[in-house]
């Protein structure tokens, strides 16, 4: 992991929901009702992005 990367962990609820850590909410400027996307690469890596105006950041 490079020095520009960071790692967070989340627990999946019984309803299949995850909590986005506050540090990530602040970093991406995520607020209630915002849309986010999870993109899974061929190698299994997941990319998390906030959507803005129908486009990913």
PDB file of N, CA and C in Angstrom:
ATOM      1  N   UNK A   1       0.847  -1.177   0.000  1.00  0.00           N
ATOM      2  CA  UNK A   1       0.000   0.000   0.000  1.00  0.00           C
ATOM      3  C   UNK A   1       0.891   1.239   0.000  1.00  0.00           C
ATOM      4  N   UNK A   2       0.632   2.146  -0.928  1.00  0.00           N
ATOM      5  CA  UNK A   2       1.453   3.357  -0.992  1.00  0.00           C
ATOM      6  C   UNK A   2       1.052   4.328   0.112  1.00  0.00           C
ATOM      7  N   UNK A   3       1.867   5.359   0.323  1.00  0.00           N
ATOM      8  CA  UNK A   3       1.583   6.307   1.395  1.00  0.00           C
ATOM      9  C   UNK A   3       0.352   7.160   1.099  1.00  0.00           C
ATOM     10  N   UNK A   4      -0.098   7.211  -0.166  1.00  0.00           N
ATOM     11  CA  UNK A   4      -1.300   7.966  -0.509  1.00  0.00           C
ATOM     12  C   UNK A   4      -2.573   7.151  -0.358  1.00  0.00           C
ATOM     13  N   UNK A   5      -2.444   5.872  -0.042  1.00  0.00           N
ATOM     14  CA  UNK A   5      -3.600   5.014   0.139  1.00  0.00           C
ATOM     15  C   UNK A   5      -3.910   4.875   1.618  1.00  0.00           C
ATOM     16  N   UNK A   6      -5.153   4.599   1.918  1.00  0.00           N
ATOM     17  CA  UNK A   6      -5.535   4.328   3.291  1.00  0.00           C
ATOM     18  C   UNK A   6      -6.565   3.211   3.280  1.00  0.00           C
ATOM     19  N   UNK A   7      -6.750   2.572   4.426  1.00  0.00           N
ATOM     20  CA  UNK A   7      -7.620   1.408   4.513  1.00  0.00           C
ATOM     21  C   UNK A   7      -8.624   1.597   5.632  1.00  0.00           C
ATOM     22  N   UNK A   8      -9.872   1.247   5.333  1.00  0.00           N
ATOM     23  CA  UNK A   8     -10.938   1.288   6.314  1.00  0.00           C
ATOM     24  C   UNK A   8     -11.663  -0.048   6.286  1.00  0.00           C
ATOM     25  N   UNK A   9     -12.288  -0.388   7.379  1.00  0.00           N
ATOM     26  CA  UNK A   9     -13.075  -1.607   7.461  1.00  0.00           C
ATOM     27  C   UNK A   9     -14.511  -1.242   7.805  1.00  0.00           C
ATOM     28  N   UNK A  10     -15.452  -2.031   7.322  1.00  0.00           N
ATOM     29  CA  UNK A  10     -16.868  -1.808   7.616  1.00  0.00           C
ATOM     30  C   UNK A  10     -17.505  -3.161   7.909  1.00  0.00           C
ATOM     31  N   UNK A  11     -18.568  -3.139   8.684  1.00  0.00           N
ATOM     32  CA  UNK A  11     -19.326  -4.342   8.999  1.00  0.00           C
ATOM     33  C   UNK A  11     -20.633  -4.304   8.222  1.00  0.00           C
ATOM     34  N   UNK A  12     -20.992  -5.427   7.638  1.00  0.00           N
ATOM     35  CA  UNK A  12     -22.248  -5.526   6.899  1.00  0.00           C
ATOM     36  C   UNK A  12     -23.360  -5.840   7.890  1.00  0.00           C
ATOM     37  N   UNK A  13     -24.444  -5.071   7.837  1.00  0.00           N
ATOM     38  CA  UNK A  13     -25.573  -5.289   8.746  1.00  0.00           C
ATOM     39  C   UNK A  13     -26.385  -6.500   8.290  1.00  0.00           C
ATOM     40  N   UNK A  14     -27.342  -6.905   9.116  1.00  0.00           N
ATOM     41  CA  UNK A  14     -28.239  -8.010   8.772  1.00  0.00           C
ATOM     42  C   UNK A  14     -29.037  -7.715   7.511  1.00  0.00           C
ATOM     43  N   UNK A  15     -29.217  -6.440   7.213  1.00  0.00           N
ATOM     44  CA  UNK A  15     -29.958  -6.022   6.021  1.00  0.00           C
ATOM     45  C   UNK A  15     -29.053  -5.840   4.808  1.00  0.00           C
ATOM     46  N   UNK A  16     -27.760  -6.177   4.920  1.00  0.00           N
ATOM     47  CA  UNK A  16     -26.827  -6.073   3.806  1.00  0.00           C
ATOM     48  C   UNK A  16     -26.280  -4.673   3.590  1.00  0.00           C
ATOM     49  N   UNK A  17     -26.439  -3.800   4.570  1.00  0.00           N
ATOM     50  CA  UNK A  17     -25.968  -2.426   4.457  1.00  0.00           C
ATOM     51  C   UNK A  17     -24.592  -2.291   5.085  1.00  0.00           C
ATOM     52  N   UNK A  18     -23.817  -1.324   4.579  1.00  0.00           N
ATOM     53  CA  UNK A  18     -22.531  -1.013   5.193  1.00  0.00           C
ATOM     54  C   UNK A  18     -22.526   0.449   5.620  1.00  0.00           C
ATOM     55  N   UNK A  19     -21.742   0.730   6.628  1.00  0.00           N
ATOM     56  CA  UNK A  19     -21.559   2.083   7.123  1.00  0.00           C
ATOM     57  C   UNK A  19     -20.308   2.642   6.459  1.00  0.00           C
ATOM     58  N   UNK A  20     -20.417   3.824   5.855  1.00  0.00           N
ATOM     59  CA  UNK A  20     -19.251   4.481   5.268  1.00  0.00           C
ATOM     60  C   UNK A  20     -18.582   5.289   6.374  1.00  0.00           C
ATOM     61  N   UNK A  21     -17.335   4.963   6.713  1.00  0.00           N
ATOM     62  CA  UNK A  21     -16.655   5.685   7.801  1.00  0.00           C
ATOM     63  C   UNK A  21     -16.661   7.197   7.577  1.00  0.00           C
ATOM     64  N   UNK A  22     -16.774   7.937   8.662  1.00  0.00           N
ATOM     65  CA  UNK A  22     -16.856   9.406   8.620  1.00  0.00           C
ATOM     66  C   UNK A  22     -15.677  10.016   7.862  1.00  0.00           C
ATOM     67  N   UNK A  23     -14.488   9.460   8.021  1.00  0.00           N
ATOM     68  CA  UNK A  23     -13.317   9.991   7.310  1.00  0.00           C
ATOM     69  C   UNK A  23     -13.517   9.913   5.794  1.00  0.00           C
ATOM     70  N   UNK A  24     -14.121   8.835   5.303  1.00  0.00           N
ATOM     71  CA  UNK A  24     -14.395   8.722   3.865  1.00  0.00           C
ATOM     72  C   UNK A  24     -15.528   9.652   3.445  1.00  0.00           C
ATOM     73  N   UNK A  25     -16.543   9.788   4.295  1.00  0.00           N
ATOM     74  CA  UNK A  25     -17.626  10.725   3.993  1.00  0.00           C
ATOM     75  C   UNK A  25     -17.062  12.136   3.828  1.00  0.00           C
ATOM     76  N   UNK A  26     -16.176  12.522   4.730  1.00  0.00           N
ATOM     77  CA  UNK A  26     -15.559  13.848   4.650  1.00  0.00           C
ATOM     78  C   UNK A  26     -14.671  13.975   3.419  1.00  0.00           C
ATOM     79  N   UNK A  27     -13.856  12.956   3.147  1.00  0.00           N
ATOM     80  CA  UNK A  27     -12.923  12.976   2.023  1.00  0.00           C
ATOM     81  C   UNK A  27     -13.658  13.156   0.694  1.00  0.00           C
ATOM     82  N   UNK A  28     -14.766  12.405   0.516  1.00  0.00           N
ATOM     83  CA  UNK A  28     -15.520  12.455  -0.736  1.00  0.00           C
ATOM     84  C   UNK A  28     -16.632  13.498  -0.713  1.00  0.00           C
ATOM     85  N   UNK A  29     -16.880  14.126   0.439  1.00  0.00           N
ATOM     86  CA  UNK A  29     -17.971  15.093   0.542  1.00  0.00           C
ATOM     87  C   UNK A  29     -19.332  14.428   0.442  1.00  0.00           C
ATOM     88  N   UNK A  30     -19.456  13.225   0.981  1.00  0.00           N
ATOM     89  CA  UNK A  30     -20.701  12.467   0.908  1.00  0.00           C
ATOM     90  C   UNK A  30     -21.659  12.947   1.987  1.00  0.00           C
ATOM     91  N   UNK A  31     -22.890  13.218   1.542  1.00  0.00           N
ATOM     92  CA  UNK A  31     -23.949  13.630   2.450  1.00  0.00           C
ATOM     93  C   UNK A  31     -25.128  12.671   2.304  1.00  0.00           C
ATOM     94  N   UNK A  32     -26.082  12.775   3.199  1.00  0.00           N
ATOM     95  CA  UNK A  32     -27.271  11.932   3.152  1.00  0.00           C
ATOM     96  C   UNK A  32     -27.930  12.004   1.776  1.00  0.00           C
ATOM     97  N   UNK A  33     -28.322  10.856   1.262  1.00  0.00           N
ATOM     98  CA  UNK A  33     -29.019  10.709  -0.023  1.00  0.00           C
ATOM     99  C   UNK A  33     -28.110  10.835  -1.244  1.00  0.00           C
ATOM    100  N   UNK A  34     -26.806  11.078  -1.067  1.00  0.00           N
ATOM    101  CA  UNK A  34     -25.874  11.079  -2.202  1.00  0.00           C
ATOM    102  C   UNK A  34     -25.775   9.677  -2.773  1.00  0.00           C
ATOM    103  N   UNK A  35     -25.433   9.580  -4.036  1.00  0.00           N
ATOM    104  CA  UNK A  35     -25.232   8.302  -4.716  1.00  0.00           C
ATOM    105  C   UNK A  35     -23.744   7.979  -4.760  1.00  0.00           C
ATOM    106  N   UNK A  36     -23.417   6.709  -4.540  1.00  0.00           N
ATOM    107  CA  UNK A  36     -22.043   6.229  -4.659  1.00  0.00           C
ATOM    108  C   UNK A  36     -22.058   4.986  -5.527  1.00  0.00           C
ATOM    109  N   UNK A  37     -20.929   4.666  -6.115  1.00  0.00           N
ATOM    110  CA  UNK A  37     -20.843   3.459  -6.932  1.00  0.00           C
ATOM    111  C   UNK A  37     -19.681   2.600  -6.460  1.00  0.00           C
ATOM    112  N   UNK A  38     -19.839   1.300  -6.663  1.00  0.00           N
ATOM    113  CA  UNK A  38     -18.804   0.319  -6.377  1.00  0.00           C
ATOM    114  C   UNK A  38     -18.520  -0.391  -7.691  1.00  0.00           C
ATOM    115  N   UNK A  39     -17.303  -0.266  -8.192  1.00  0.00           N
ATOM    116  CA  UNK A  39     -16.914  -0.864  -9.461  1.00  0.00           C
ATOM    117  C   UNK A  39     -15.935  -1.995  -9.162  1.00  0.00           C
ATOM    118  N   UNK A  40     -16.250  -3.205  -9.640  1.00  0.00           N
ATOM    119  CA  UNK A  40     -15.401  -4.368  -9.381  1.00  0.00           C
ATOM    120  C   UNK A  40     -14.572  -4.644 -10.621  1.00  0.00           C
ATOM    121  N   UNK A  41     -13.233  -4.579 -10.467  1.00  0.00           N
ATOM    122  CA  UNK A  41     -12.310  -4.890 -11.564  1.00  0.00           C
ATOM    123  C   UNK A  41     -12.226  -6.399 -11.765  1.00  0.00           C
ATOM    124  N   UNK A  42     -11.649  -6.803 -12.894  1.00  0.00           N
ATOM    125  CA  UNK A  42     -11.489  -8.223 -13.204  1.00  0.00           C
ATOM    126  C   UNK A  42     -10.677  -8.966 -12.150  1.00  0.00           C
ATOM    127  N   UNK A  43      -9.751  -8.253 -11.495  1.00  0.00           N
ATOM    128  CA  UNK A  43      -8.904  -8.905 -10.488  1.00  0.00           C
ATOM    129  C   UNK A  43      -9.554  -8.924  -9.101  1.00  0.00           C
ATOM    130  N   UNK A  44     -10.810  -8.447  -8.990  1.00  0.00           N
ATOM    131  CA  UNK A  44     -11.520  -8.459  -7.718  1.00  0.00           C
ATOM    132  C   UNK A  44     -11.379  -7.182  -6.914  1.00  0.00           C
ATOM    133  N   UNK A  45     -10.582  -6.239  -7.386  1.00  0.00           N
ATOM    134  CA  UNK A  45     -10.418  -4.958  -6.685  1.00  0.00           C
ATOM    135  C   UNK A  45     -11.696  -4.138  -6.837  1.00  0.00           C
ATOM    136  N   UNK A  46     -12.141  -3.516  -5.738  1.00  0.00           N
ATOM    137  CA  UNK A  46     -13.352  -2.701  -5.760  1.00  0.00           C
ATOM    138  C   UNK A  46     -12.967  -1.226  -5.710  1.00  0.00           C
ATOM    139  N   UNK A  47     -13.511  -0.457  -6.631  1.00  0.00           N
ATOM    140  CA  UNK A  47     -13.287   0.985  -6.677  1.00  0.00           C
ATOM    141  C   UNK A  47     -14.566   1.656  -6.197  1.00  0.00           C
ATOM    142  N   UNK A  48     -14.444   2.563  -5.239  1.00  0.00           N
ATOM    143  CA  UNK A  48     -15.564   3.280  -4.642  1.00  0.00           C
ATOM    144  C   UNK A  48     -15.529   4.716  -5.140  1.00  0.00           C
ATOM    145  N   UNK A  49     -16.659   5.212  -5.654  1.00  0.00           N
ATOM    146  CA  UNK A  49     -16.701   6.572  -6.172  1.00  0.00           C
ATOM    147  C   UNK A  49     -18.007   7.240  -5.795  1.00  0.00           C
ATOM    148  N   UNK A  50     -17.945   8.536  -5.538  1.00  0.00           N
ATOM    149  CA  UNK A  50     -19.159   9.329  -5.354  1.00  0.00           C
ATOM    150  C   UNK A  50     -19.623   9.785  -6.722  1.00  0.00           C
ATOM    151  N   UNK A  51     -20.922   9.753  -6.943  1.00  0.00           N
ATOM    152  CA  UNK A  51     -21.469  10.236  -8.209  1.00  0.00           C
ATOM    153  C   UNK A  51     -21.826  11.708  -8.060  1.00  0.00           C
ATOM    154  N   UNK A  52     -21.550  12.479  -9.086  1.00  0.00           N
ATOM    155  CA  UNK A  52     -21.881  13.908  -9.107  1.00  0.00           C
ATOM    156  C   UNK A  52     -22.542  14.212 -10.432  1.00  0.00           C
ATOM    157  N   UNK A  53     -23.790  14.650 -10.386  1.00  0.00           N
ATOM    158  CA  UNK A  53     -24.496  15.037 -11.610  1.00  0.00           C
ATOM    159  C   UNK A  53     -24.547  13.926 -12.635  1.00  0.00           C
ATOM    160  N   UNK A  54     -24.677  12.687 -12.179  1.00  0.00           N
ATOM    161  CA  UNK A  54     -24.742  11.539 -13.079  1.00  0.00           C
ATOM    162  C   UNK A  54     -23.391  11.015 -13.505  1.00  0.00           C
ATOM    163  N   UNK A  55     -22.305  11.665 -13.075  1.00  0.00           N
ATOM    164  CA  UNK A  55     -20.962  11.214 -13.439  1.00  0.00           C
ATOM    165  C   UNK A  55     -20.154  10.922 -12.182  1.00  0.00           C
ATOM    166  N   UNK A  56     -19.246   9.939 -12.279  1.00  0.00           N
ATOM    167  CA  UNK A  56     -18.356   9.642 -11.182  1.00  0.00           C
ATOM    168  C   UNK A  56     -17.306  10.720 -11.057  1.00  0.00           C
ATOM    169  N   UNK A  57     -16.820  10.915  -9.846  1.00  0.00           N
ATOM    170  CA  UNK A  57     -15.715  11.863  -9.626  1.00  0.00           C
ATOM    171  C   UNK A  57     -14.443  11.309 -10.197  1.00  0.00           C
TER     172      UNK A  57
END
